[in-house]
Structure formats: structure tokens, C-alpha cells
């Protein structure tokens, strides 16, 4: 944990350094854009050309005297422009170096996260009961991580996508020890968006909700005892209610995918349990929603 914390602090430091250099680069460019000597560079050149041309009317001696100030002004403007470009290039090189440093630090942090979660997964698997998870608050920490992962990073980066899948799998292993506790965390969040539409003013948008729903695919449903099966049946019924009420097509697809995954992973072991009233109600709601969607389509 401390090793990962060190990587996190290093990433934060490099990000601050990068942001500082980007701000310096932006301020430098804006200040030079307002510099009159840069703006009037072309004007001074054109004026000097006109001055030289008009001086031809006053003879060779007067021409030489009048062209000197114009030439000096043009040289000063050119020198100022060259100086600006050289300084800008130096700052751009510093920004580029800071970007590389930050990228490397971010990758180190992401890889350290993968290693940590992989180790935690093995610890959870080899722990016979859920006592360790409860005492350390590991379940809540991991769920909050899953809930707040940026969907853009998951879709754009294979490393972040792998980490997300590993984290969802880790929660799935925890649900094998305590299904009710883990599944209730998902249900509590989904209850806030019964129709599948999120508040546009909130940071938790449709992409976050869709990713959260997909995170349930690794939950370990079990019928090893009547108590465990009833917990799974209650969970599926709650999920079926959200699925039935959902009006957002993107979220509806996410529900379809997850329900399909959960039922397929569970179907091979089911026998007489399918006649349980709660299970029957859940399956009926799923079927009716599918039937309505087919008729509308």
C-alpha cells in the first residue's frame, strides 16, 4: 500500500510540474502576442521600404542618412522576434519533457495499482471467511474505486481497462464471501437513477452509470444453500425492476449485458430453485421488458 502511495505522490508532483510549465508557456505566448514590437514588425519593414524609396528623390547623400534609422528599426524588430522564438522553443522543450515525465509516472502508478489489486484478489480468495474484508473496510474502498473510475480512461487505455476488469473481478471474489453486502452497494447506487437518466449537473453521468452496471458482471451468485439463493433472487428481482423501468437506451443495453452474464453463469447449477416465487417474479419482469422492447422496436 505504501509503495503504491509513493507512486501516487510522484504522479501528483509531476502533474503539478506539468501544469505549471503549461501555464508558463501559455502566459509567455499571450504576453508576446501583445508586444507592439512583434505586432508592428511587418509595418516597420514596409515603412523602411517606403522610406528608402522616397529618399531616392533627395540624392545619394540624403538617401544614405534616411535609410539608416529604418534599417536599425527593422533589425531590432527582427532580433526581438528571434529572441522570442528561441525562448518559446526552450519553454516548449521543457513542457515536452514534463509531459514525458508525467506519462511515465502515471504508468508506474497504474501498474503498481494492478499489482496491488492482483495481490488483494489472491488474499480474498485464500481467506476462508469475510472477516478480513469487514475489519479492514476493503470492500468499501474497492467499491468506491470502481464507482469513481473515469470511463474515458477505461475505453481509451488498455492498462486502465485491465485494471477496471481486475477491480470488478476483485469485488466479485468478495461477493463470494458476502454476496448481500457487495450487491447492496450496487443496488443502493442504482436506486438513485430508476429510469437510467443521471443528473446532467452531476459528475456522475451516463457513462459512469453504465460502467458501474457492467461492474456487476463478476458477482458470484450461488445456490449452495437456500439462504444464499434467496439473497441472489432478491438481488436479481431488484435488478429486474431497474431494467423494467429503464428508459435510457445506453443504460438499457448495459443492463441486458449484465443480466445475460449473471444468468448464464448461474444457469448450469439451477434445478428446482427456479420455482421460487422471488426468482419467478424477477424472470417475469425481465421477460415482459424484453417483450415490450420487441413490440416497440
Protein backbone atom coordinates (compact mmCIF):
# COMPACT_ATOMS: atom_id res chain seq x y z
CA UNK A 1 0.00 0.00 0.00
CA UNK A 2 2.83 2.41 0.92
CA UNK A 3 4.63 1.57 -2.32
CA UNK A 4 1.53 2.49 -4.33
CA UNK A 5 1.11 5.64 -2.23
CA UNK A 6 4.65 6.69 -3.17
CA UNK A 7 3.83 6.21 -6.86
CA UNK A 8 0.67 8.24 -6.40
CA UNK A 9 2.57 11.12 -4.78
CA UNK A 10 5.17 11.05 -7.57
CA UNK A 11 2.42 11.22 -10.19
CA UNK A 12 0.80 14.17 -8.41
CA UNK A 13 4.13 16.03 -8.26
CA UNK A 14 4.83 15.52 -11.96
CA UNK A 15 1.28 16.59 -12.83
CA UNK A 16 1.69 19.83 -10.87
CA UNK A 17 5.03 20.44 -12.59
CA UNK A 18 3.45 19.86 -15.99
CA UNK A 19 0.53 22.18 -15.24
CA UNK A 20 2.95 24.89 -14.06
CA UNK A 21 5.01 24.67 -17.23
CA UNK A 22 1.91 24.69 -19.42
CA UNK A 23 0.69 27.82 -17.64
CA UNK A 24 4.09 29.47 -18.14
CA UNK A 25 4.05 28.56 -21.82
CA UNK A 26 0.54 29.98 -22.26
CA UNK A 27 1.35 33.21 -20.43
CA UNK A 28 4.55 33.69 -22.41
CA UNK A 29 2.76 33.30 -25.74
CA UNK A 30 -0.05 35.66 -24.74
CA UNK A 31 2.34 38.31 -23.47
CA UNK A 32 4.35 38.26 -26.67
CA UNK A 33 1.24 38.46 -28.79
CA UNK A 34 0.55 41.82 -27.19
CA UNK A 35 4.09 43.05 -27.72
CA UNK A 36 3.97 46.03 -30.06
CA UNK A 37 7.37 45.31 -31.49
CA UNK A 38 6.18 41.90 -32.66
CA UNK A 39 2.87 43.16 -33.95
CA UNK A 40 4.48 46.04 -35.84
CA UNK A 41 7.31 44.02 -37.31
CA UNK A 42 5.80 43.94 -40.76
CA UNK A 43 4.71 47.57 -40.53
CA UNK A 44 8.22 48.74 -39.70
CA UNK A 45 9.61 46.76 -42.61
CA UNK A 46 7.10 48.29 -45.01
CA UNK A 47 7.79 51.78 -43.67
CA UNK A 48 11.52 51.33 -44.09
CA UNK A 49 10.96 50.21 -47.64
CA UNK A 50 8.86 53.29 -48.36
CA UNK A 51 11.45 55.48 -46.69
CA UNK A 52 14.22 54.10 -48.84
CA UNK A 53 12.11 54.54 -51.93
CA UNK A 54 11.22 58.16 -51.16
CA UNK A 55 14.79 59.03 -50.24
CA UNK A 56 15.84 58.36 -53.80
CA UNK A 57 14.34 61.76 -54.66
CA UNK A 58 16.82 63.61 -52.46
CA UNK A 59 20.09 62.35 -53.83
CA UNK A 60 22.66 59.82 -52.77
CA UNK A 61 23.81 61.60 -49.57
CA UNK A 62 20.40 62.18 -48.10
CA UNK A 63 19.36 58.64 -49.04
CA UNK A 64 22.12 57.08 -47.03
CA UNK A 65 21.24 59.12 -43.92
CA UNK A 66 17.50 58.42 -44.05
CA UNK A 67 17.77 54.67 -44.61
CA UNK A 68 19.93 54.07 -41.56
CA UNK A 69 17.20 54.55 -38.88
CA UNK A 70 14.75 52.42 -40.84
CA UNK A 71 17.31 49.69 -41.22
CA UNK A 72 18.12 49.81 -37.50
CA UNK A 73 14.43 49.61 -36.58
CA UNK A 74 13.97 46.57 -38.81
CA UNK A 75 16.99 44.86 -37.31
CA UNK A 76 15.70 45.48 -33.76
CA UNK A 77 12.29 44.02 -34.62
CA UNK A 78 13.90 41.01 -36.26
CA UNK A 79 16.20 40.49 -33.28
CA UNK A 80 13.24 40.73 -30.89
CA UNK A 81 11.30 38.19 -32.93
CA UNK A 82 14.24 35.78 -33.00
CA UNK A 83 14.69 36.14 -29.25
CA UNK A 84 11.00 35.42 -28.68
CA UNK A 85 11.12 32.31 -30.87
CA UNK A 86 14.22 30.95 -29.12
CA UNK A 87 12.68 31.46 -25.67
CA UNK A 88 9.43 29.90 -26.81
CA UNK A 89 11.32 26.86 -28.11
CA UNK A 90 13.08 26.44 -24.75
CA UNK A 91 9.77 26.55 -22.87
CA UNK A 92 8.16 24.12 -25.32
CA UNK A 93 11.04 21.68 -24.77
CA UNK A 94 10.51 21.94 -21.01
CA UNK A 95 6.78 21.27 -21.45
CA UNK A 96 7.54 18.26 -23.64
CA UNK A 97 9.98 16.86 -21.06
CA UNK A 98 7.45 17.43 -18.24
CA UNK A 99 4.78 15.63 -20.31
CA UNK A 100 7.05 12.60 -20.76
CA UNK A 101 7.92 12.56 -17.06
CA UNK A 102 4.25 12.72 -16.07
CA UNK A 103 3.31 9.95 -18.52
CA UNK A 104 5.98 7.67 -17.08
CA UNK A 105 4.90 8.43 -13.50
CA UNK A 106 1.25 7.78 -14.40
CA UNK A 107 2.12 4.42 -15.96
CA UNK A 108 4.15 3.43 -12.91
CA UNK A 109 1.20 4.31 -10.68
CA UNK A 110 -1.24 2.38 -12.88
CA UNK A 111 0.98 -0.71 -12.95
CA UNK A 112 1.51 -0.55 -9.18
CA UNK A 113 -2.28 -0.42 -8.83
CA UNK A 114 -2.62 -3.56 -10.94
CA UNK A 115 -0.05 -5.41 -8.81
CA UNK A 116 -1.76 -4.35 -5.58
CA UNK A 117 -5.23 -5.39 -6.72
CA UNK A 118 -3.89 -8.69 -8.05
CA UNK A 119 -2.36 -9.44 -4.65
CA UNK A 120 -5.58 -8.40 -2.86
CA UNK A 121 -7.56 -10.71 -5.11
CA UNK A 122 -5.41 -13.68 -4.06
CA UNK A 123 -5.70 -12.67 -0.40
CA UNK A 124 -9.50 -12.58 -0.66
CA UNK A 125 -9.58 -15.95 -2.46
CA UNK A 126 -7.41 -17.65 0.16
CA UNK A 127 -9.21 -16.09 3.13
CA UNK A 128 -11.87 -18.60 4.27
CA UNK A 129 -14.32 -16.00 5.63
CA UNK A 130 -15.27 -12.38 5.03
CA UNK A 131 -13.85 -11.30 8.41
CA UNK A 132 -10.68 -9.76 6.95
CA UNK A 133 -12.65 -7.77 4.38
CA UNK A 134 -15.02 -6.41 7.03
CA UNK A 135 -12.33 -5.48 9.53
CA UNK A 136 -10.15 -3.62 7.03
CA UNK A 137 -13.01 -1.90 5.20
CA UNK A 138 -11.54 -3.28 1.98
CA UNK A 139 -14.93 -3.83 0.37
CA UNK A 140 -15.98 -0.21 0.72
CA UNK A 141 -12.60 1.08 -0.51
CA UNK A 142 -12.61 -1.13 -3.61
CA UNK A 143 -16.24 -0.34 -4.41
CA UNK A 144 -15.57 3.40 -4.24
CA UNK A 145 -12.63 2.93 -6.58
CA UNK A 146 -14.85 1.08 -9.05
CA UNK A 147 -17.61 3.68 -8.80
CA UNK A 148 -15.30 6.62 -9.46
CA UNK A 149 -13.10 5.26 -12.26
CA UNK A 150 -13.16 7.54 -15.30
CA UNK A 151 -14.99 5.75 -18.17
CA UNK A 152 -12.91 7.67 -20.73
CA UNK A 153 -9.68 6.17 -19.36
CA UNK A 154 -11.19 2.67 -19.39
CA UNK A 155 -12.23 2.96 -23.04
CA UNK A 156 -9.07 4.69 -24.28
CA UNK A 157 -6.33 2.87 -22.33
CA UNK A 158 -5.76 -0.89 -22.31
CA UNK A 159 -3.90 -0.58 -18.98
CA UNK A 160 -6.80 1.20 -17.28
CA UNK A 161 -9.27 -1.24 -18.87
CA UNK A 162 -7.31 -4.18 -17.45
CA UNK A 163 -7.25 -2.53 -14.02
CA UNK A 164 -11.01 -1.95 -14.15
CA UNK A 165 -11.70 -5.60 -15.03
CA UNK A 166 -9.39 -6.76 -12.26
CA UNK A 167 -11.12 -4.47 -9.76
CA UNK A 168 -14.58 -5.71 -10.79
CA UNK A 169 -13.30 -9.29 -10.50
CA UNK A 170 -11.91 -8.50 -7.03
CA UNK A 171 -15.35 -7.31 -5.91
CA UNK A 172 -16.79 -10.48 -7.43
CA UNK A 173 -14.48 -12.58 -5.26
CA UNK A 174 -15.60 -10.57 -2.22
CA UNK A 175 -19.24 -11.25 -3.12
CA UNK A 176 -18.47 -14.96 -2.94
CA UNK A 177 -17.77 -14.44 0.78
CA UNK A 178 -20.58 -11.95 1.43
CA UNK A 179 -22.93 -11.57 -1.54
CA UNK A 180 -25.54 -9.48 0.26
CA UNK A 181 -23.11 -6.77 1.36
CA UNK A 182 -21.45 -6.32 -2.04
CA UNK A 183 -24.65 -6.48 -4.10
CA UNK A 184 -26.41 -4.00 -1.80
CA UNK A 185 -23.76 -1.39 -2.63
CA UNK A 186 -24.64 -1.61 -6.31
CA UNK A 187 -28.38 -1.58 -5.62
CA UNK A 188 -28.07 1.49 -3.38
CA UNK A 189 -26.45 3.46 -6.22
CA UNK A 190 -28.80 2.19 -8.93
CA UNK A 191 -31.83 3.22 -6.86
CA UNK A 192 -30.81 6.85 -7.40
CA UNK A 193 -31.39 6.51 -11.16
CA UNK A 194 -34.50 4.32 -11.61
CA UNK A 195 -35.13 5.39 -15.21
CA UNK A 196 -31.46 5.25 -16.20
CA UNK A 197 -31.06 9.01 -16.59
CA UNK A 198 -28.48 10.84 -14.50
CA UNK A 199 -28.38 14.47 -13.46
CA UNK A 200 -26.51 16.46 -16.12
CA UNK A 201 -25.20 18.84 -13.48
CA UNK A 202 -23.60 15.94 -11.61
CA UNK A 203 -20.18 14.47 -12.33
CA UNK A 204 -21.78 11.02 -12.25
CA UNK A 205 -23.12 10.87 -15.81
CA UNK A 206 -24.49 8.10 -18.02
CA UNK A 207 -21.01 6.77 -18.81
CA UNK A 208 -20.23 6.32 -15.13
CA UNK A 209 -23.58 4.61 -14.54
CA UNK A 210 -23.09 2.27 -17.48
CA UNK A 211 -19.62 1.32 -16.27
CA UNK A 212 -20.95 0.73 -12.75
CA UNK A 213 -23.63 -1.61 -14.08
CA UNK A 214 -21.04 -3.55 -16.09
CA UNK A 215 -19.07 -3.94 -12.86
CA UNK A 216 -21.76 -6.35 -11.58
CA UNK A 217 -20.92 -8.98 -14.17
CA UNK A 218 -18.42 -10.70 -11.85
CA UNK A 219 -20.78 -11.05 -8.87
CA UNK A 220 -20.82 -14.67 -7.66
CA UNK A 221 -24.41 -15.86 -7.44
CA UNK A 222 -24.80 -19.14 -5.56
CA UNK A 223 -27.46 -21.71 -4.72
CA UNK A 224 -25.32 -23.76 -2.33
CA UNK A 225 -27.87 -23.01 0.40
CA UNK A 226 -31.41 -21.67 0.50
CA UNK A 227 -30.26 -18.51 2.28
CA UNK A 228 -27.66 -17.71 -0.38
CA UNK A 229 -30.10 -18.43 -3.19
CA UNK A 230 -32.72 -16.12 -1.67
CA UNK A 231 -30.12 -13.34 -1.47
CA UNK A 232 -29.37 -13.85 -5.16
CA UNK A 233 -33.07 -13.97 -6.04
CA UNK A 234 -33.73 -10.72 -4.18
CA UNK A 235 -30.80 -9.10 -5.96
CA UNK A 236 -31.98 -10.27 -9.38
CA UNK A 237 -35.50 -9.02 -8.64
CA UNK A 238 -34.16 -5.56 -7.74
CA UNK A 239 -32.06 -5.59 -10.89
CA UNK A 240 -35.10 -6.64 -12.93
CA UNK A 241 -37.09 -3.69 -11.53
CA UNK A 242 -34.42 -1.23 -12.65
CA UNK A 243 -34.25 -2.94 -16.02
CA UNK A 244 -38.03 -2.76 -16.43
CA UNK A 245 -38.21 0.96 -15.53
CA UNK A 246 -35.16 1.96 -17.57
CA UNK A 247 -35.85 4.40 -20.43
CA UNK A 248 -32.27 5.23 -21.39
CA UNK A 249 -31.14 3.06 -24.33
CA UNK A 250 -27.45 3.16 -23.35
CA UNK A 251 -28.18 2.04 -19.80
CA UNK A 252 -30.73 -0.50 -21.05
CA UNK A 253 -28.03 -2.19 -23.13
CA UNK A 254 -25.75 -2.29 -20.08
CA UNK A 255 -28.50 -3.97 -18.05
CA UNK A 256 -29.10 -6.51 -20.83
CA UNK A 257 -25.43 -7.41 -20.97
CA UNK A 258 -25.05 -7.82 -17.20
CA UNK A 259 -28.28 -9.78 -16.68
CA UNK A 260 -27.27 -12.07 -19.52
CA UNK A 261 -23.83 -12.65 -17.95
CA UNK A 262 -25.26 -13.33 -14.49
CA UNK A 263 -27.92 -15.76 -15.70
CA UNK A 264 -25.51 -17.67 -17.93
CA UNK A 265 -23.00 -18.12 -15.11
CA UNK A 266 -25.79 -19.34 -12.81
CA UNK A 267 -27.96 -21.40 -15.13
CA UNK A 268 -25.82 -24.55 -15.08
CA UNK A 269 -26.41 -25.20 -11.39
CA UNK A 270 -30.10 -24.31 -11.06
CA UNK A 271 -32.72 -27.02 -10.60
CA UNK A 272 -35.91 -26.73 -8.52
CA UNK A 273 -34.87 -23.29 -7.27
CA UNK A 274 -36.33 -21.72 -10.40
CA UNK A 275 -39.81 -22.22 -8.89
CA UNK A 276 -39.00 -19.88 -6.00
CA UNK A 277 -41.58 -17.01 -6.06
CA UNK A 278 -38.95 -14.24 -5.93
CA UNK A 279 -36.98 -15.80 -8.77
CA UNK A 280 -40.13 -16.26 -10.84
CA UNK A 281 -41.11 -12.60 -10.35
CA UNK A 282 -37.65 -11.46 -11.45
CA UNK A 283 -37.67 -13.58 -14.61
CA UNK A 284 -41.20 -12.42 -15.49
CA UNK A 285 -40.19 -8.75 -15.26
CA UNK A 286 -37.16 -9.35 -17.46
CA UNK A 287 -39.28 -11.22 -19.99
CA UNK A 288 -42.01 -8.55 -20.04
CA UNK A 289 -39.46 -5.78 -20.58
CA UNK A 290 -37.93 -7.69 -23.46
CA UNK A 291 -41.40 -8.28 -24.91
CA UNK A 292 -42.27 -4.57 -24.67
CA UNK A 293 -38.97 -3.57 -26.24
CA UNK A 294 -39.54 -6.00 -29.11
CA UNK A 295 -43.03 -4.62 -29.78
CA UNK A 296 -41.77 -1.01 -29.70
CA UNK A 297 -38.83 -1.84 -31.95
